Amino acid sequence: MARVVSFEELNQQVLEQCLRDDVRVVDRQTISIGQAWKIEQPFLRPLPKRPFDCCVTRQVHLNGYSQVTYETNRYSVPVEQARSELILKAYPFHIEILSNQGVLARHERCFGQKQDVFDPLHYLLLLEQRPGALEYAKPLRQWRQDWPASYHLLLRRLREQWPEGRGVKEFILVGNPGLGKSHVACGLALAACRQGRRVRFYNVAGLVNDLIKAQQEYQLSRLMTRLCKHELIVLDELGFIPFTATGAQLLFQLCSALYERVALIITTNLRFAEWSSVLAGDERMSAALLDRLTHRATILEFVGTSYRFRKPLHRQAGKEGEIQTEENA
């Protein structure tokens, strides 16, 4: 029995085997399977104009945790969009949950039994209205069990330094790719949006390009003024792309303008000593930028193995366990 990490790999192996089989000649036939297919193909009916929706459709009901159940597994729905009766579509590899307004949630399909599959962002409204739900709501308690240590550290520092959700702070999330830095930044930004805050999310490379373009069009001052009107700005993925000297200077100028006026969340895969490598090699400017950003910052270092790397390993381990069970049977 073939062992694969994912369904995509299985499909690729099946396709390759079928293509190899095209040259085979069946007993008592004079032509190959591939040649016979070409002869028969013109006589087949054409494909429908609209693709077939290859799924099982069910009407489902929400439980008390804003979840719907399919084949014993429970899938979350955003609290603020929840309806008592919804439609669930079960595709081979994913689940969609819909209302008459459209798709409310999409999850990877679970083939286990009695599992909870949920997106923590679906419960942000609940947390805003009832902060104690983080401690007592079942889906959120289960989510916290899988947190890395950095998430618990972030929660503790938020409670200590931001007890009433007010204040201007910088949060610098440092760590290798795939550890949840952008996920945490998105969650904090979305929570701020739900509080009515003015929030903007930027990929740092895209922001630097906007700054350079604004300078070339003599619109830099206007762009800076507009950015300073926000209450929170997220600068995501600092360190993946090095900047030109002009881009680095403009980023420094912006951060200086935002200093102690606008809250910042920065995610980076670089340690502080390496920041000059993306800021045109200017160590003095890097030191000055870090001095401003770290003055009142909460710095979180994310350590561990990439979530995107662990996921196929977990799937492979599950498949191997199923195969071993079949062999033992």
Foldseek 3Di string as FASTA:
>chain_A
DDADLDVVVVVVVVVVVVVVQQQDDDPPGDGGNVVVCVVCVVVDDDDDPDDDPAWDKDKFAADPLQWTDDQQETEHFQPVPGDGIWMWTGHPFKIFIGDPVGTGDIGTDDPDHNYYHYDVLSCLVVCVVPVCCCVPVVVNVVVVVPADPLVVVVVVVCCVPVVPVDDAAEEEEEAAPQQCLVVVVVSVQVSCVVVVFFEEEDALVVVLVVCVVCVVVVNNVVVLVVVLPGQEYEHEEQPPAADALSSLVSVLVSLVSNQRRHHYYYYYHDDLVCNCVRNNVDPVSSVVSCCRNVVRYDYTYGDDDRPVVVVSVVSSVVVVVVVVVVVVD
